[in-house]
N, C-alpha and C. Protein backbone atom coordinates (compact mmCIF):
# COMPACT_ATOMS: atom_id res chain seq x y z
N UNK A 1 6.89 77.12 -5.91
CA UNK A 1 7.08 75.76 -5.47
C UNK A 1 6.44 74.84 -6.50
N UNK A 2 7.04 73.71 -6.73
CA UNK A 2 6.49 72.73 -7.65
C UNK A 2 6.54 71.36 -6.98
N UNK A 3 5.44 70.65 -7.01
CA UNK A 3 5.34 69.32 -6.42
C UNK A 3 5.20 68.31 -7.56
N UNK A 4 5.99 67.25 -7.51
CA UNK A 4 5.95 66.22 -8.54
C UNK A 4 5.82 64.87 -7.85
N UNK A 5 4.74 64.15 -8.17
CA UNK A 5 4.52 62.83 -7.57
C UNK A 5 3.95 61.88 -8.62
N UNK A 6 3.99 60.62 -8.31
CA UNK A 6 3.39 59.61 -9.18
C UNK A 6 1.88 59.62 -8.99
N UNK A 7 1.16 59.51 -10.10
CA UNK A 7 -0.30 59.51 -10.04
C UNK A 7 -0.87 58.16 -10.41
N UNK A 8 -2.06 57.86 -9.90
CA UNK A 8 -2.63 56.54 -10.19
C UNK A 8 -3.76 56.56 -11.21
N UNK A 9 -3.93 57.66 -11.94
CA UNK A 9 -4.94 57.69 -13.02
C UNK A 9 -4.30 57.49 -14.40
N UNK A 10 -3.04 57.11 -14.44
CA UNK A 10 -2.36 56.92 -15.73
C UNK A 10 -3.15 55.93 -16.58
N UNK A 11 -3.24 56.20 -17.87
CA UNK A 11 -4.06 55.35 -18.75
C UNK A 11 -3.44 53.98 -19.02
N UNK A 12 -2.14 53.85 -18.79
CA UNK A 12 -1.45 52.60 -19.08
C UNK A 12 -1.35 51.75 -17.80
N UNK A 13 -2.10 50.66 -17.75
CA UNK A 13 -2.10 49.80 -16.56
C UNK A 13 -0.70 49.25 -16.27
N UNK A 14 0.05 48.96 -17.30
CA UNK A 14 1.41 48.46 -17.12
C UNK A 14 2.27 49.47 -16.36
N UNK A 15 2.11 50.75 -16.68
CA UNK A 15 2.84 51.81 -15.97
C UNK A 15 2.47 51.79 -14.49
N UNK A 16 1.18 51.69 -14.20
CA UNK A 16 0.72 51.65 -12.80
C UNK A 16 1.33 50.44 -12.10
N UNK A 17 1.35 49.29 -12.77
CA UNK A 17 1.93 48.10 -12.16
C UNK A 17 3.42 48.28 -11.87
N UNK A 18 4.13 48.94 -12.78
CA UNK A 18 5.57 49.14 -12.61
C UNK A 18 5.87 50.07 -11.44
N UNK A 19 5.12 51.15 -11.31
CA UNK A 19 5.43 52.15 -10.28
C UNK A 19 4.68 51.92 -8.97
N UNK A 20 3.83 50.94 -8.93
CA UNK A 20 2.97 50.74 -7.76
C UNK A 20 3.76 50.35 -6.51
N UNK A 21 3.14 50.57 -5.41
CA UNK A 21 3.70 50.30 -4.09
C UNK A 21 3.90 48.80 -3.90
N UNK A 22 5.03 48.44 -3.33
CA UNK A 22 5.25 47.04 -2.98
C UNK A 22 6.00 46.23 -4.01
N UNK A 23 6.21 46.77 -5.18
CA UNK A 23 6.98 46.05 -6.17
C UNK A 23 8.44 46.06 -5.78
N UNK A 24 9.16 45.06 -6.18
CA UNK A 24 10.58 44.98 -5.85
C UNK A 24 11.47 45.45 -6.99
N UNK A 25 10.87 45.90 -8.07
CA UNK A 25 11.65 46.41 -9.20
C UNK A 25 12.42 47.64 -8.77
N UNK A 26 13.54 47.86 -9.40
CA UNK A 26 14.37 49.04 -9.10
C UNK A 26 13.55 50.32 -9.24
N UNK A 27 12.69 50.39 -10.28
CA UNK A 27 11.92 51.60 -10.55
C UNK A 27 10.97 51.97 -9.41
N UNK A 28 10.56 51.01 -8.62
CA UNK A 28 9.50 51.29 -7.65
C UNK A 28 9.79 50.85 -6.23
N UNK A 29 10.96 50.38 -5.94
CA UNK A 29 11.20 49.82 -4.61
C UNK A 29 11.06 50.84 -3.49
N UNK A 30 11.23 52.13 -3.77
CA UNK A 30 11.10 53.14 -2.72
C UNK A 30 9.76 53.88 -2.77
N UNK A 31 8.84 53.48 -3.64
CA UNK A 31 7.55 54.15 -3.74
C UNK A 31 6.67 53.78 -2.54
N UNK A 32 6.07 54.78 -1.94
CA UNK A 32 5.22 54.57 -0.77
C UNK A 32 3.75 54.87 -1.03
N UNK A 33 3.46 55.71 -2.04
CA UNK A 33 2.07 56.10 -2.31
C UNK A 33 1.93 56.56 -3.76
N UNK A 34 0.78 56.27 -4.36
CA UNK A 34 0.39 56.84 -5.64
C UNK A 34 -0.75 57.81 -5.34
N UNK A 35 -0.66 59.02 -5.85
CA UNK A 35 -1.64 60.06 -5.53
C UNK A 35 -2.71 60.19 -6.59
N UNK A 36 -3.83 60.71 -6.17
CA UNK A 36 -4.87 61.19 -7.06
C UNK A 36 -4.73 62.71 -7.06
N UNK A 37 -4.77 63.32 -8.25
CA UNK A 37 -4.53 64.76 -8.32
C UNK A 37 -5.50 65.56 -7.47
N UNK A 38 -6.73 65.15 -7.38
CA UNK A 38 -7.73 65.90 -6.59
C UNK A 38 -7.39 65.86 -5.10
N UNK A 39 -7.01 64.70 -4.60
CA UNK A 39 -6.68 64.58 -3.17
C UNK A 39 -5.44 65.41 -2.86
N UNK A 40 -4.44 65.35 -3.72
CA UNK A 40 -3.22 66.13 -3.50
C UNK A 40 -3.52 67.63 -3.54
N UNK A 41 -4.31 68.06 -4.50
CA UNK A 41 -4.70 69.47 -4.59
C UNK A 41 -5.46 69.90 -3.34
N UNK A 42 -6.39 69.08 -2.90
CA UNK A 42 -7.19 69.42 -1.71
C UNK A 42 -6.33 69.54 -0.46
N UNK A 43 -5.26 68.74 -0.37
CA UNK A 43 -4.36 68.84 0.78
C UNK A 43 -3.76 70.24 0.86
N UNK A 44 -3.31 70.76 -0.26
CA UNK A 44 -2.71 72.10 -0.28
C UNK A 44 -3.77 73.19 -0.08
N UNK A 45 -4.92 73.03 -0.71
CA UNK A 45 -5.99 74.01 -0.54
C UNK A 45 -6.44 74.08 0.92
N UNK A 46 -6.40 72.94 1.59
CA UNK A 46 -6.81 72.87 2.99
C UNK A 46 -5.92 73.66 3.93
N UNK A 47 -4.71 74.00 3.48
CA UNK A 47 -3.81 74.80 4.32
C UNK A 47 -3.54 76.16 3.68
N UNK A 48 -4.48 76.63 2.86
CA UNK A 48 -4.44 77.99 2.37
C UNK A 48 -3.77 78.26 1.05
N UNK A 49 -3.40 77.23 0.31
CA UNK A 49 -2.78 77.43 -0.99
C UNK A 49 -3.82 77.41 -2.10
N UNK A 50 -3.53 78.08 -3.18
CA UNK A 50 -4.23 77.89 -4.44
C UNK A 50 -3.37 76.91 -5.21
N UNK A 51 -3.97 76.17 -6.13
CA UNK A 51 -3.22 75.12 -6.83
C UNK A 51 -3.46 75.21 -8.33
N UNK A 52 -2.38 75.17 -9.08
CA UNK A 52 -2.46 75.05 -10.53
C UNK A 52 -1.88 73.70 -10.91
N UNK A 53 -2.71 72.85 -11.49
CA UNK A 53 -2.23 71.55 -11.98
C UNK A 53 -1.57 71.77 -13.34
N UNK A 54 -0.33 71.32 -13.47
CA UNK A 54 0.42 71.53 -14.70
C UNK A 54 0.40 70.32 -15.62
N UNK A 55 0.41 69.13 -15.04
CA UNK A 55 0.44 67.91 -15.84
C UNK A 55 -0.14 66.78 -15.01
N UNK A 56 -1.08 66.03 -15.60
CA UNK A 56 -1.71 64.93 -14.86
C UNK A 56 -2.69 64.18 -15.77
N UNK A 57 -3.03 62.98 -15.36
CA UNK A 57 -4.14 62.26 -15.97
C UNK A 57 -5.34 62.47 -15.07
N UNK A 58 -6.47 62.83 -15.67
CA UNK A 58 -7.68 63.04 -14.86
C UNK A 58 -8.36 61.70 -14.56
N UNK A 59 -9.45 61.74 -13.81
CA UNK A 59 -10.09 60.49 -13.38
C UNK A 59 -10.65 59.68 -14.54
N UNK A 60 -10.81 60.31 -15.72
CA UNK A 60 -11.25 59.59 -16.92
C UNK A 60 -10.07 59.11 -17.76
N UNK A 61 -8.86 59.23 -17.18
CA UNK A 61 -7.62 58.78 -17.81
C UNK A 61 -7.25 59.60 -19.04
N UNK A 62 -7.72 60.84 -19.08
CA UNK A 62 -7.34 61.78 -20.14
C UNK A 62 -6.18 62.63 -19.63
N UNK A 63 -5.18 62.81 -20.47
CA UNK A 63 -4.02 63.59 -20.07
C UNK A 63 -4.34 65.08 -20.16
N UNK A 64 -3.97 65.80 -19.11
CA UNK A 64 -4.18 67.25 -19.05
C UNK A 64 -2.81 67.91 -18.92
N UNK A 65 -2.62 69.00 -19.65
CA UNK A 65 -1.34 69.68 -19.64
C UNK A 65 -1.55 71.19 -19.67
N UNK A 66 -0.88 71.89 -18.78
CA UNK A 66 -0.82 73.34 -18.76
C UNK A 66 0.65 73.73 -18.84
N UNK A 67 0.97 74.56 -19.80
CA UNK A 67 2.35 74.94 -20.04
C UNK A 67 2.99 75.55 -18.80
N UNK A 68 4.26 75.20 -18.58
CA UNK A 68 5.09 75.88 -17.59
C UNK A 68 6.46 76.08 -18.20
N UNK A 69 7.14 77.09 -17.74
CA UNK A 69 8.43 77.45 -18.28
C UNK A 69 9.52 76.60 -17.63
N UNK A 70 10.29 75.90 -18.44
CA UNK A 70 11.36 75.04 -17.93
C UNK A 70 12.47 75.82 -17.22
N UNK A 71 12.53 77.11 -17.42
CA UNK A 71 13.57 77.89 -16.73
C UNK A 71 13.34 77.90 -15.22
N UNK A 72 12.14 77.53 -14.79
CA UNK A 72 11.83 77.45 -13.36
C UNK A 72 12.19 76.08 -12.78
N UNK A 73 12.62 75.19 -13.64
CA UNK A 73 13.02 73.85 -13.21
C UNK A 73 12.53 72.80 -14.18
N UNK A 74 13.32 71.78 -14.34
CA UNK A 74 12.97 70.68 -15.25
C UNK A 74 12.45 69.51 -14.43
N UNK A 75 11.34 68.97 -14.85
CA UNK A 75 10.79 67.77 -14.24
C UNK A 75 11.11 66.63 -15.19
N UNK A 76 11.97 65.73 -14.76
CA UNK A 76 12.46 64.69 -15.66
C UNK A 76 11.38 63.68 -16.06
N UNK A 77 10.53 63.29 -15.15
CA UNK A 77 9.47 62.35 -15.52
C UNK A 77 8.22 63.17 -15.84
N UNK A 78 8.22 63.71 -17.07
CA UNK A 78 7.14 64.56 -17.53
C UNK A 78 6.98 64.41 -19.04
N UNK A 79 5.86 64.90 -19.54
CA UNK A 79 5.57 64.81 -20.97
C UNK A 79 6.71 65.38 -21.81
N UNK A 80 7.23 66.54 -21.45
CA UNK A 80 8.22 67.22 -22.29
C UNK A 80 9.65 66.77 -22.05
N UNK A 81 9.96 66.25 -20.88
CA UNK A 81 11.37 66.01 -20.55
C UNK A 81 11.80 64.55 -20.54
N UNK A 82 10.88 63.62 -20.35
CA UNK A 82 11.29 62.22 -20.26
C UNK A 82 11.54 61.68 -21.67
N UNK A 83 12.77 61.29 -21.94
CA UNK A 83 13.15 60.83 -23.28
C UNK A 83 12.41 59.57 -23.70
N UNK A 84 11.93 58.80 -22.74
CA UNK A 84 11.20 57.57 -23.07
C UNK A 84 9.86 57.89 -23.75
N UNK A 85 9.38 59.12 -23.61
CA UNK A 85 8.12 59.52 -24.23
C UNK A 85 8.25 59.76 -25.74
N UNK A 86 9.48 59.82 -26.24
CA UNK A 86 9.66 60.01 -27.69
C UNK A 86 9.19 58.77 -28.45
N UNK A 87 9.49 57.58 -27.91
CA UNK A 87 9.05 56.33 -28.54
C UNK A 87 7.57 56.07 -28.30
N UNK A 88 7.16 56.24 -27.06
CA UNK A 88 5.78 55.99 -26.66
C UNK A 88 5.26 57.22 -25.92
N UNK A 89 4.58 58.11 -26.64
CA UNK A 89 4.11 59.35 -26.00
C UNK A 89 3.29 59.09 -24.72
N UNK A 90 3.55 59.90 -23.71
CA UNK A 90 2.86 59.86 -22.42
C UNK A 90 3.07 58.55 -21.66
N UNK A 91 4.18 57.87 -21.95
CA UNK A 91 4.47 56.65 -21.21
C UNK A 91 4.95 56.94 -19.80
N UNK A 92 5.69 58.04 -19.63
CA UNK A 92 6.25 58.38 -18.33
C UNK A 92 5.87 59.82 -18.00
N UNK A 93 4.95 59.95 -17.06
CA UNK A 93 4.48 61.27 -16.64
C UNK A 93 4.34 61.28 -15.13
N UNK A 94 4.05 62.44 -14.60
CA UNK A 94 3.85 62.62 -13.17
C UNK A 94 2.66 63.54 -12.97
N UNK A 95 2.17 63.61 -11.75
CA UNK A 95 1.30 64.71 -11.39
C UNK A 95 2.25 65.86 -11.05
N UNK A 96 2.09 66.95 -11.76
CA UNK A 96 2.92 68.13 -11.47
C UNK A 96 1.97 69.25 -11.10
N UNK A 97 2.14 69.78 -9.90
CA UNK A 97 1.29 70.88 -9.49
C UNK A 97 2.09 71.98 -8.84
N UNK A 98 1.53 73.17 -8.98
CA UNK A 98 2.16 74.38 -8.47
C UNK A 98 1.25 74.97 -7.39
N UNK A 99 1.54 74.67 -6.11
CA UNK A 99 0.77 75.33 -5.06
C UNK A 99 1.36 76.72 -4.78
N UNK A 100 0.51 77.70 -4.61
CA UNK A 100 1.00 79.06 -4.38
C UNK A 100 0.05 79.83 -3.49
N UNK A 101 0.54 80.88 -2.89
CA UNK A 101 -0.28 81.79 -2.09
C UNK A 101 -0.30 83.13 -2.79
N UNK A 102 -1.42 83.78 -2.75
CA UNK A 102 -1.54 85.10 -3.39
C UNK A 102 -1.18 86.18 -2.40
């Protein structure tokens, strides 16, 4: 299973403003929440999952990346797949996590 959500530790304040809740822009009109990777991870851990964070900005706004194989699925708003990142690296990313049970 792979979970992909918008995160609120992104280093670019403009990105946060664009995707934030309540904006009327096309990009964000259906957004209901921005997650913190720790809170999202804890939600899954609380119901018995282990969690591997694959892509996210940490609380110090540093980008963290753990390789995953695209053959398991492509995440379009991610470091490797979003074409907008070619011009401005890490402009469009998500929190990507893999909750799993052993």
